[in-house]
């Protein structure tokens, strides 16, 4: 099993709030469920920490194996997700790891 965690700092446009942008992200991540082979779980969270090291949003996903994660990155549904969300993301980082 593979766990994929992405964390982002948000880029807000005029009229946006962290909460309104997060609602788009949460809805978009949820829309992937059941549409990408090997994607077992997904969730998004809005950070409440005020630390200077804190990022705004985390996305947690679980895949059956490394091949499923690789397929996810190229899958048309994930491309739709990126097209919808990337305009709100200024920077980020990710971790992929395997569990037994």
PDB file of N, CA and C in Angstrom:
ATOM      1  N   UNK A   1       0.845  -1.168   0.000  1.00  0.00           N
ATOM      2  CA  UNK A   1       0.000   0.000   0.000  1.00  0.00           C
ATOM      3  C   UNK A   1       0.898   1.243   0.000  1.00  0.00           C
ATOM      4  N   UNK A   2       0.485   2.244  -0.764  1.00  0.00           N
ATOM      5  CA  UNK A   2       1.234   3.492  -0.898  1.00  0.00           C
ATOM      6  C   UNK A   2       0.404   4.642  -0.330  1.00  0.00           C
ATOM      7  N   UNK A   3       1.062   5.483   0.450  1.00  0.00           N
ATOM      8  CA  UNK A   3       0.418   6.705   0.946  1.00  0.00           C
ATOM      9  C   UNK A   3       1.099   7.892   0.284  1.00  0.00           C
ATOM     10  N   UNK A   4       0.286   8.799  -0.209  1.00  0.00           N
ATOM     11  CA  UNK A   4       0.747   9.985  -0.934  1.00  0.00           C
ATOM     12  C   UNK A   4       0.173  11.191  -0.209  1.00  0.00           C
ATOM     13  N   UNK A   5       1.055  12.054   0.286  1.00  0.00           N
ATOM     14  CA  UNK A   5       0.630  13.236   1.025  1.00  0.00           C
ATOM     15  C   UNK A   5       1.173  14.466   0.321  1.00  0.00           C
ATOM     16  N   UNK A   6       0.286  15.390   0.005  1.00  0.00           N
ATOM     17  CA  UNK A   6       0.674  16.655  -0.623  1.00  0.00           C
ATOM     18  C   UNK A   6       0.227  17.789   0.295  1.00  0.00           C
ATOM     19  N   UNK A   7       1.107  18.777   0.452  1.00  0.00           N
ATOM     20  CA  UNK A   7       0.797  19.945   1.282  1.00  0.00           C
ATOM     21  C   UNK A   7       1.079  21.194   0.468  1.00  0.00           C
ATOM     22  N   UNK A   8       0.176  22.178   0.568  1.00  0.00           N
ATOM     23  CA  UNK A   8       0.289  23.363  -0.270  1.00  0.00           C
ATOM     24  C   UNK A   8       0.093  24.647   0.513  1.00  0.00           C
ATOM     25  N   UNK A   9       0.727  25.670   0.030  1.00  0.00           N
ATOM     26  CA  UNK A   9       0.439  27.044   0.451  1.00  0.00           C
ATOM     27  C   UNK A   9      -0.508  27.599  -0.617  1.00  0.00           C
ATOM     28  N   UNK A  10      -1.566  28.241  -0.175  1.00  0.00           N
ATOM     29  CA  UNK A  10      -2.571  28.744  -1.110  1.00  0.00           C
ATOM     30  C   UNK A  10      -2.199  30.112  -1.662  1.00  0.00           C
ATOM     31  N   UNK A  11      -2.672  30.345  -2.875  1.00  0.00           N
ATOM     32  CA  UNK A  11      -2.553  31.645  -3.543  1.00  0.00           C
ATOM     33  C   UNK A  11      -3.986  32.144  -3.722  1.00  0.00           C
ATOM     34  N   UNK A  12      -4.355  33.151  -2.973  1.00  0.00           N
ATOM     35  CA  UNK A  12      -5.726  33.661  -3.018  1.00  0.00           C
ATOM     36  C   UNK A  12      -5.842  34.786  -4.027  1.00  0.00           C
ATOM     37  N   UNK A  13      -6.914  34.757  -4.805  1.00  0.00           N
ATOM     38  CA  UNK A  13      -7.225  35.818  -5.752  1.00  0.00           C
ATOM     39  C   UNK A  13      -8.244  36.754  -5.109  1.00  0.00           C
ATOM     40  N   UNK A  14      -8.510  37.867  -5.733  1.00  0.00           N
ATOM     41  CA  UNK A  14      -9.479  38.830  -5.191  1.00  0.00           C
ATOM     42  C   UNK A  14     -10.796  38.141  -4.865  1.00  0.00           C
ATOM     43  N   UNK A  15     -11.262  38.356  -3.650  1.00  0.00           N
ATOM     44  CA  UNK A  15     -12.538  37.794  -3.236  1.00  0.00           C
ATOM     45  C   UNK A  15     -12.442  36.393  -2.652  1.00  0.00           C
ATOM     46  N   UNK A  16     -11.307  35.716  -2.805  1.00  0.00           N
ATOM     47  CA  UNK A  16     -11.138  34.375  -2.260  1.00  0.00           C
ATOM     48  C   UNK A  16     -10.825  34.435  -0.775  1.00  0.00           C
ATOM     49  N   UNK A  17     -11.254  33.426  -0.064  1.00  0.00           N
ATOM     50  CA  UNK A  17     -10.834  33.198   1.308  1.00  0.00           C
ATOM     51  C   UNK A  17     -10.211  31.808   1.371  1.00  0.00           C
ATOM     52  N   UNK A  18      -9.445  31.556   2.410  1.00  0.00           N
ATOM     53  CA  UNK A  18      -8.889  30.209   2.581  1.00  0.00           C
ATOM     54  C   UNK A  18     -10.013  29.180   2.575  1.00  0.00           C
ATOM     55  N   UNK A  19     -11.105  29.496   3.231  1.00  0.00           N
ATOM     56  CA  UNK A  19     -12.223  28.557   3.349  1.00  0.00           C
ATOM     57  C   UNK A  19     -12.903  28.303   2.013  1.00  0.00           C
ATOM     58  N   UNK A  20     -13.083  29.354   1.216  1.00  0.00           N
ATOM     59  CA  UNK A  20     -13.753  29.155  -0.078  1.00  0.00           C
ATOM     60  C   UNK A  20     -12.870  28.363  -1.036  1.00  0.00           C
ATOM     61  N   UNK A  21     -11.578  28.629  -1.016  1.00  0.00           N
ATOM     62  CA  UNK A  21     -10.659  27.870  -1.869  1.00  0.00           C
ATOM     63  C   UNK A  21     -10.574  26.431  -1.382  1.00  0.00           C
ATOM     64  N   UNK A  22     -10.512  26.233  -0.066  1.00  0.00           N
ATOM     65  CA  UNK A  22     -10.473  24.875   0.461  1.00  0.00           C
ATOM     66  C   UNK A  22     -11.721  24.096   0.076  1.00  0.00           C
ATOM     67  N   UNK A  23     -12.876  24.728   0.052  1.00  0.00           N
ATOM     68  CA  UNK A  23     -14.109  24.041  -0.349  1.00  0.00           C
ATOM     69  C   UNK A  23     -13.989  23.500  -1.768  1.00  0.00           C
ATOM     70  N   UNK A  24     -13.379  24.264  -2.660  1.00  0.00           N
ATOM     71  CA  UNK A  24     -13.146  23.802  -4.035  1.00  0.00           C
ATOM     72  C   UNK A  24     -12.195  22.603  -4.028  1.00  0.00           C
ATOM     73  N   UNK A  25     -11.125  22.702  -3.268  1.00  0.00           N
ATOM     74  CA  UNK A  25     -10.144  21.618  -3.203  1.00  0.00           C
ATOM     75  C   UNK A  25     -10.777  20.350  -2.638  1.00  0.00           C
ATOM     76  N   UNK A  26     -11.483  20.475  -1.529  1.00  0.00           N
ATOM     77  CA  UNK A  26     -12.117  19.306  -0.906  1.00  0.00           C
ATOM     78  C   UNK A  26     -13.099  18.635  -1.860  1.00  0.00           C
ATOM     79  N   UNK A  27     -13.918  19.424  -2.531  1.00  0.00           N
ATOM     80  CA  UNK A  27     -14.894  18.888  -3.490  1.00  0.00           C
ATOM     81  C   UNK A  27     -14.185  18.200  -4.659  1.00  0.00           C
ATOM     82  N   UNK A  28     -13.117  18.811  -5.148  1.00  0.00           N
ATOM     83  CA  UNK A  28     -12.388  18.270  -6.295  1.00  0.00           C
ATOM     84  C   UNK A  28     -11.691  16.965  -5.939  1.00  0.00           C
ATOM     85  N   UNK A  29     -11.088  16.903  -4.770  1.00  0.00           N
ATOM     86  CA  UNK A  29     -10.438  15.667  -4.315  1.00  0.00           C
ATOM     87  C   UNK A  29     -11.480  14.571  -4.120  1.00  0.00           C
ATOM     88  N   UNK A  30     -12.603  14.893  -3.523  1.00  0.00           N
ATOM     89  CA  UNK A  30     -13.667  13.904  -3.309  1.00  0.00           C
ATOM     90  C   UNK A  30     -14.201  13.364  -4.633  1.00  0.00           C
ATOM     91  N   UNK A  31     -14.221  14.186  -5.665  1.00  0.00           N
ATOM     92  CA  UNK A  31     -14.750  13.774  -6.976  1.00  0.00           C
ATOM     93  C   UNK A  31     -13.863  12.733  -7.663  1.00  0.00           C
ATOM     94  N   UNK A  32     -12.643  12.549  -7.181  1.00  0.00           N
ATOM     95  CA  UNK A  32     -11.760  11.527  -7.772  1.00  0.00           C
ATOM     96  C   UNK A  32     -12.118  10.114  -7.309  1.00  0.00           C
ATOM     97  N   UNK A  33     -12.754  10.018  -6.142  1.00  0.00           N
ATOM     98  CA  UNK A  33     -13.043   8.705  -5.547  1.00  0.00           C
ATOM     99  C   UNK A  33     -13.901   7.855  -6.478  1.00  0.00           C
ATOM    100  N   UNK A  34     -13.460   6.617  -6.649  1.00  0.00           N
ATOM    101  CA  UNK A  34     -14.188   5.676  -7.489  1.00  0.00           C
ATOM    102  C   UNK A  34     -13.971   5.867  -8.973  1.00  0.00           C
ATOM    103  N   UNK A  35     -13.136   6.827  -9.356  1.00  0.00           N
ATOM    104  CA  UNK A  35     -12.930   7.116 -10.775  1.00  0.00           C
ATOM    105  C   UNK A  35     -11.500   6.857 -11.233  1.00  0.00           C
ATOM    106  N   UNK A  36     -10.600   6.557 -10.298  1.00  0.00           N
ATOM    107  CA  UNK A  36      -9.200   6.316 -10.643  1.00  0.00           C
ATOM    108  C   UNK A  36      -8.816   4.948 -10.097  1.00  0.00           C
ATOM    109  N   UNK A  37      -8.415   4.025 -10.970  1.00  0.00           N
ATOM    110  CA  UNK A  37      -8.043   2.684 -10.509  1.00  0.00           C
ATOM    111  C   UNK A  37      -6.915   2.731  -9.473  1.00  0.00           C
ATOM    112  N   UNK A  38      -7.100   1.958  -8.419  1.00  0.00           N
ATOM    113  CA  UNK A  38      -6.079   1.840  -7.392  1.00  0.00           C
ATOM    114  C   UNK A  38      -6.109   2.908  -6.326  1.00  0.00           C
ATOM    115  N   UNK A  39      -6.944   3.939  -6.472  1.00  0.00           N
ATOM    116  CA  UNK A  39      -7.096   4.967  -5.441  1.00  0.00           C
ATOM    117  C   UNK A  39      -8.081   4.442  -4.403  1.00  0.00           C
ATOM    118  N   UNK A  40      -7.595   4.178  -3.194  1.00  0.00           N
ATOM    119  CA  UNK A  40      -8.411   3.573  -2.153  1.00  0.00           C
ATOM    120  C   UNK A  40      -9.064   4.589  -1.227  1.00  0.00           C
ATOM    121  N   UNK A  41      -8.336   5.657  -0.902  1.00  0.00           N
ATOM    122  CA  UNK A  41      -8.832   6.666   0.036  1.00  0.00           C
ATOM    123  C   UNK A  41      -8.327   8.033  -0.397  1.00  0.00           C
ATOM    124  N   UNK A  42      -9.082   9.056  -0.050  1.00  0.00           N
ATOM    125  CA  UNK A  42      -8.611  10.429  -0.259  1.00  0.00           C
ATOM    126  C   UNK A  42      -9.338  11.359   0.692  1.00  0.00           C
ATOM    127  N   UNK A  43      -8.603  12.335   1.188  1.00  0.00           N
ATOM    128  CA  UNK A  43      -9.212  13.369   2.020  1.00  0.00           C
ATOM    129  C   UNK A  43      -8.359  14.620   1.936  1.00  0.00           C
ATOM    130  N   UNK A  44      -8.969  15.740   2.243  1.00  0.00           N
ATOM    131  CA  UNK A  44      -8.268  17.022   2.261  1.00  0.00           C
ATOM    132  C   UNK A  44      -8.556  17.701   3.587  1.00  0.00           C
ATOM    133  N   UNK A  45      -7.566  18.429   4.085  1.00  0.00           N
ATOM    134  CA  UNK A  45      -7.739  19.135   5.350  1.00  0.00           C
ATOM    135  C   UNK A  45      -7.200  20.550   5.263  1.00  0.00           C
ATOM    136  N   UNK A  46      -7.864  21.460   5.953  1.00  0.00           N
ATOM    137  CA  UNK A  46      -7.444  22.855   6.031  1.00  0.00           C
ATOM    138  C   UNK A  46      -6.712  23.042   7.353  1.00  0.00           C
ATOM    139  N   UNK A  47      -5.478  23.481   7.297  1.00  0.00           N
ATOM    140  CA  UNK A  47      -4.635  23.643   8.472  1.00  0.00           C
ATOM    141  C   UNK A  47      -5.125  24.799   9.344  1.00  0.00           C
ATOM    142  N   UNK A  48      -5.160  24.586  10.653  1.00  0.00           N
ATOM    143  CA  UNK A  48      -5.516  25.664  11.576  1.00  0.00           C
ATOM    144  C   UNK A  48      -4.305  26.210  12.326  1.00  0.00           C
ATOM    145  N   UNK A  49      -3.127  25.629  12.092  1.00  0.00           N
ATOM    146  CA  UNK A  49      -1.916  26.090  12.767  1.00  0.00           C
ATOM    147  C   UNK A  49      -1.523  27.476  12.275  1.00  0.00           C
ATOM    148  N   UNK A  50      -1.017  28.292  13.179  1.00  0.00           N
ATOM    149  CA  UNK A  50      -0.554  29.636  12.816  1.00  0.00           C
ATOM    150  C   UNK A  50       0.975  29.714  12.768  1.00  0.00           C
ATOM    151  N   UNK A  51       1.645  28.586  12.840  1.00  0.00           N
ATOM    152  CA  UNK A  51       3.107  28.549  12.788  1.00  0.00           C
ATOM    153  C   UNK A  51       3.611  29.120  11.463  1.00  0.00           C
ATOM    154  N   UNK A  52       4.735  29.792  11.499  1.00  0.00           N
ATOM    155  CA  UNK A  52       5.315  30.326  10.262  1.00  0.00           C
ATOM    156  C   UNK A  52       5.747  29.209   9.325  1.00  0.00           C
ATOM    157  N   UNK A  53       5.908  28.007   9.838  1.00  0.00           N
ATOM    158  CA  UNK A  53       6.300  26.855   9.017  1.00  0.00           C
ATOM    159  C   UNK A  53       5.092  26.123   8.424  1.00  0.00           C
ATOM    160  N   UNK A  54       3.905  26.499   8.840  1.00  0.00           N
ATOM    161  CA  UNK A  54       2.701  25.785   8.444  1.00  0.00           C
ATOM    162  C   UNK A  54       2.309  26.089   7.000  1.00  0.00           C
ATOM    163  N   UNK A  55       1.843  25.059   6.312  1.00  0.00           N
ATOM    164  CA  UNK A  55       1.215  25.225   5.004  1.00  0.00           C
ATOM    165  C   UNK A  55      -0.294  25.260   5.211  1.00  0.00           C
ATOM    166  N   UNK A  56      -1.037  25.569   4.169  1.00  0.00           N
ATOM    167  CA  UNK A  56      -2.481  25.793   4.305  1.00  0.00           C
ATOM    168  C   UNK A  56      -3.334  24.535   4.198  1.00  0.00           C
ATOM    169  N   UNK A  57      -2.982  23.648   3.275  1.00  0.00           N
ATOM    170  CA  UNK A  57      -3.845  22.515   2.943  1.00  0.00           C
ATOM    171  C   UNK A  57      -3.014  21.243   2.840  1.00  0.00           C
ATOM    172  N   UNK A  58      -3.604  20.145   3.270  1.00  0.00           N
ATOM    173  CA  UNK A  58      -3.002  18.829   3.071  1.00  0.00           C
ATOM    174  C   UNK A  58      -4.003  17.949   2.331  1.00  0.00           C
ATOM    175  N   UNK A  59      -3.475  17.123   1.423  1.00  0.00           N
ATOM    176  CA  UNK A  59      -4.279  16.102   0.754  1.00  0.00           C
ATOM    177  C   UNK A  59      -3.610  14.761   1.030  1.00  0.00           C
ATOM    178  N   UNK A  60      -4.399  13.837   1.531  1.00  0.00           N
ATOM    179  CA  UNK A  60      -3.919  12.504   1.912  1.00  0.00           C
ATOM    180  C   UNK A  60      -4.617  11.496   1.018  1.00  0.00           C
ATOM    181  N   UNK A  61      -3.838  10.668   0.325  1.00  0.00           N
ATOM    182  CA  UNK A  61      -4.415   9.635  -0.532  1.00  0.00           C
ATOM    183  C   UNK A  61      -3.700   8.310  -0.284  1.00  0.00           C
ATOM    184  N   UNK A  62      -4.413   7.221  -0.523  1.00  0.00           N
ATOM    185  CA  UNK A  62      -3.879   5.880  -0.357  1.00  0.00           C
ATOM    186  C   UNK A  62      -4.113   5.116  -1.657  1.00  0.00           C
ATOM    187  N   UNK A  63      -3.072   4.406  -2.106  1.00  0.00           N
ATOM    188  CA  UNK A  63      -3.117   3.643  -3.354  1.00  0.00           C
ATOM    189  C   UNK A  63      -2.747   2.191  -3.092  1.00  0.00           C
ATOM    190  N   UNK A  64      -3.201   1.324  -3.972  1.00  0.00           N
ATOM    191  CA  UNK A  64      -2.918  -0.097  -3.827  1.00  0.00           C
ATOM    192  C   UNK A  64      -1.427  -0.399  -3.933  1.00  0.00           C
ATOM    193  N   UNK A  65      -0.741   0.282  -4.860  1.00  0.00           N
ATOM    194  CA  UNK A  65       0.674   0.010  -5.079  1.00  0.00           C
ATOM    195  C   UNK A  65       1.315   1.173  -5.837  1.00  0.00           C
ATOM    196  N   UNK A  66       2.612   1.074  -6.102  1.00  0.00           N
ATOM    197  CA  UNK A  66       3.334   2.147  -6.785  1.00  0.00           C
ATOM    198  C   UNK A  66       2.818   2.376  -8.198  1.00  0.00           C
ATOM    199  N   UNK A  67       2.415   1.304  -8.853  1.00  0.00           N
ATOM    200  CA  UNK A  67       1.891   1.446 -10.210  1.00  0.00           C
ATOM    201  C   UNK A  67       0.594   2.251 -10.212  1.00  0.00           C
ATOM    202  N   UNK A  68      -0.249   2.046  -9.212  1.00  0.00           N
ATOM    203  CA  UNK A  68      -1.496   2.814  -9.120  1.00  0.00           C
ATOM    204  C   UNK A  68      -1.195   4.294  -8.894  1.00  0.00           C
ATOM    205  N   UNK A  69      -0.201   4.596  -8.057  1.00  0.00           N
ATOM    206  CA  UNK A  69       0.182   5.994  -7.845  1.00  0.00           C
ATOM    207  C   UNK A  69       0.709   6.606  -9.139  1.00  0.00           C
ATOM    208  N   UNK A  70       1.531   5.866  -9.848  1.00  0.00           N
ATOM    209  CA  UNK A  70       2.064   6.357 -11.118  1.00  0.00           C
ATOM    210  C   UNK A  70       0.933   6.600 -12.120  1.00  0.00           C
ATOM    211  N   UNK A  71      -0.025   5.689 -12.171  1.00  0.00           N
ATOM    212  CA  UNK A  71      -1.176   5.846 -13.059  1.00  0.00           C
ATOM    213  C   UNK A  71      -2.047   7.031 -12.675  1.00  0.00           C
ATOM    214  N   UNK A  72      -2.160   7.286 -11.394  1.00  0.00           N
ATOM    215  CA  UNK A  72      -2.934   8.419 -10.877  1.00  0.00           C
ATOM    216  C   UNK A  72      -2.405   9.735 -11.430  1.00  0.00           C
ATOM    217  N   UNK A  73      -1.097   9.900 -11.410  1.00  0.00           N
ATOM    218  CA  UNK A  73      -0.507  11.157 -11.865  1.00  0.00           C
ATOM    219  C   UNK A  73      -0.780  11.431 -13.350  1.00  0.00           C
ATOM    220  N   UNK A  74      -0.992  10.376 -14.127  1.00  0.00           N
ATOM    221  CA  UNK A  74      -1.253  10.540 -15.562  1.00  0.00           C
ATOM    222  C   UNK A  74      -2.743  10.404 -15.919  1.00  0.00           C
ATOM    223  N   UNK A  75      -3.574  10.048 -14.966  1.00  0.00           N
ATOM    224  CA  UNK A  75      -4.979   9.767 -15.243  1.00  0.00           C
ATOM    225  C   UNK A  75      -5.737  11.047 -15.612  1.00  0.00           C
ATOM    226  N   UNK A  76      -6.651  10.974 -16.594  1.00  0.00           N
ATOM    227  CA  UNK A  76      -7.421  12.147 -17.005  1.00  0.00           C
ATOM    228  C   UNK A  76      -8.207  12.815 -15.865  1.00  0.00           C
ATOM    229  N   UNK A  77      -8.717  12.042 -14.922  1.00  0.00           N
ATOM    230  CA  UNK A  77      -9.447  12.632 -13.791  1.00  0.00           C
ATOM    231  C   UNK A  77      -8.496  13.460 -12.930  1.00  0.00           C
ATOM    232  N   UNK A  78      -7.284  12.966 -12.738  1.00  0.00           N
ATOM    233  CA  UNK A  78      -6.298  13.746 -11.978  1.00  0.00           C
ATOM    234  C   UNK A  78      -5.889  14.995 -12.756  1.00  0.00           C
ATOM    235  N   UNK A  79      -5.820  14.901 -14.060  1.00  0.00           N
ATOM    236  CA  UNK A  79      -5.517  16.085 -14.869  1.00  0.00           C
ATOM    237  C   UNK A  79      -6.627  17.132 -14.728  1.00  0.00           C
ATOM    238  N   UNK A  80      -7.885  16.687 -14.656  1.00  0.00           N
ATOM    239  CA  UNK A  80      -9.006  17.605 -14.409  1.00  0.00           C
ATOM    240  C   UNK A  80      -8.847  18.272 -13.043  1.00  0.00           C
ATOM    241  N   UNK A  81      -8.451  17.483 -12.063  1.00  0.00           N
ATOM    242  CA  UNK A  81      -8.225  18.007 -10.716  1.00  0.00           C
ATOM    243  C   UNK A  81      -7.168  19.093 -10.743  1.00  0.00           C
ATOM    244  N   UNK A  82      -6.046  18.805 -11.382  1.00  0.00           N
ATOM    245  CA  UNK A  82      -4.964  19.782 -11.467  1.00  0.00           C
ATOM    246  C   UNK A  82      -5.418  21.055 -12.176  1.00  0.00           C
ATOM    247  N   UNK A  83      -6.163  20.897 -13.256  1.00  0.00           N
ATOM    248  CA  UNK A  83      -6.625  22.067 -14.007  1.00  0.00           C
ATOM    249  C   UNK A  83      -7.529  22.949 -13.144  1.00  0.00           C
ATOM    250  N   UNK A  84      -8.295  22.340 -12.284  1.00  0.00           N
ATOM    251  CA  UNK A  84      -9.218  23.107 -11.437  1.00  0.00           C
ATOM    252  C   UNK A  84      -8.507  23.750 -10.241  1.00  0.00           C
ATOM    253  N   UNK A  85      -7.489  23.082  -9.698  1.00  0.00           N
ATOM    254  CA  UNK A  85      -6.896  23.526  -8.440  1.00  0.00           C
ATOM    255  C   UNK A  85      -5.590  24.300  -8.570  1.00  0.00           C
ATOM    256  N   UNK A  86      -4.811  24.059  -9.588  1.00  0.00           N
ATOM    257  CA  UNK A  86      -3.462  24.624  -9.656  1.00  0.00           C
ATOM    258  C   UNK A  86      -3.423  26.146  -9.541  1.00  0.00           C
ATOM    259  N   UNK A  87      -4.447  26.829  -9.992  1.00  0.00           N
ATOM    260  CA  UNK A  87      -4.440  28.301  -9.926  1.00  0.00           C
ATOM    261  C   UNK A  87      -4.466  28.808  -8.489  1.00  0.00           C
ATOM    262  N   UNK A  88      -4.881  27.957  -7.545  1.00  0.00           N
ATOM    263  CA  UNK A  88      -4.948  28.343  -6.141  1.00  0.00           C
ATOM    264  C   UNK A  88      -3.694  27.985  -5.343  1.00  0.00           C
ATOM    265  N   UNK A  89      -2.717  27.318  -5.971  1.00  0.00           N
ATOM    266  CA  UNK A  89      -1.570  26.797  -5.243  1.00  0.00           C
ATOM    267  C   UNK A  89      -0.319  27.600  -5.563  1.00  0.00           C
ATOM    268  N   UNK A  90       0.330  28.136  -4.536  1.00  0.00           N
ATOM    269  CA  UNK A  90       1.547  28.913  -4.781  1.00  0.00           C
ATOM    270  C   UNK A  90       2.799  28.082  -4.591  1.00  0.00           C
ATOM    271  N   UNK A  91       2.789  27.138  -3.660  1.00  0.00           N
ATOM    272  CA  UNK A  91       3.934  26.266  -3.444  1.00  0.00           C
ATOM    273  C   UNK A  91       3.469  25.043  -2.672  1.00  0.00           C
ATOM    274  N   UNK A  92       4.326  24.053  -2.620  1.00  0.00           N
ATOM    275  CA  UNK A  92       3.953  22.859  -1.882  1.00  0.00           C
ATOM    276  C   UNK A  92       5.075  21.852  -1.797  1.00  0.00           C
ATOM    277  N   UNK A  93       4.759  20.744  -1.167  1.00  0.00           N
ATOM    278  CA  UNK A  93       5.688  19.623  -1.071  1.00  0.00           C
ATOM    279  C   UNK A  93       4.867  18.354  -0.970  1.00  0.00           C
ATOM    280  N   UNK A  94       5.528  17.223  -1.180  1.00  0.00           N
ATOM    281  CA  UNK A  94       4.818  15.952  -1.106  1.00  0.00           C
ATOM    282  C   UNK A  94       5.721  14.862  -0.599  1.00  0.00           C
ATOM    283  N   UNK A  95       5.096  13.820  -0.072  1.00  0.00           N
ATOM    284  CA  UNK A  95       5.797  12.638   0.389  1.00  0.00           C
ATOM    285  C   UNK A  95       5.015  11.426  -0.095  1.00  0.00           C
ATOM    286  N   UNK A  96       5.734  10.446  -0.631  1.00  0.00           N
ATOM    287  CA  UNK A  96       5.168   9.147  -0.990  1.00  0.00           C
ATOM    288  C   UNK A  96       5.905   8.093  -0.181  1.00  0.00           C
ATOM    289  N   UNK A  97       5.159   7.204   0.453  1.00  0.00           N
ATOM    290  CA  UNK A  97       5.817   6.135   1.190  1.00  0.00           C
ATOM    291  C   UNK A  97       4.995   4.869   1.162  1.00  0.00           C
ATOM    292  N   UNK A  98       5.676   3.764   1.393  1.00  0.00           N
ATOM    293  CA  UNK A  98       5.052   2.453   1.306  1.00  0.00           C
ATOM    294  C   UNK A  98       4.880   1.875   2.706  1.00  0.00           C
ATOM    295  N   UNK A  99       3.729   1.252   2.929  1.00  0.00           N
ATOM    296  CA  UNK A  99       3.466   0.570   4.186  1.00  0.00           C
ATOM    297  C   UNK A  99       3.079  -0.875   3.895  1.00  0.00           C
ATOM    298  N   UNK A 100       3.364  -1.728   4.854  1.00  0.00           N
ATOM    299  CA  UNK A 100       3.073  -3.164   4.666  1.00  0.00           C
ATOM    300  C   UNK A 100       1.596  -3.430   4.851  1.00  0.00           C
TER     301      UNK A 100
END
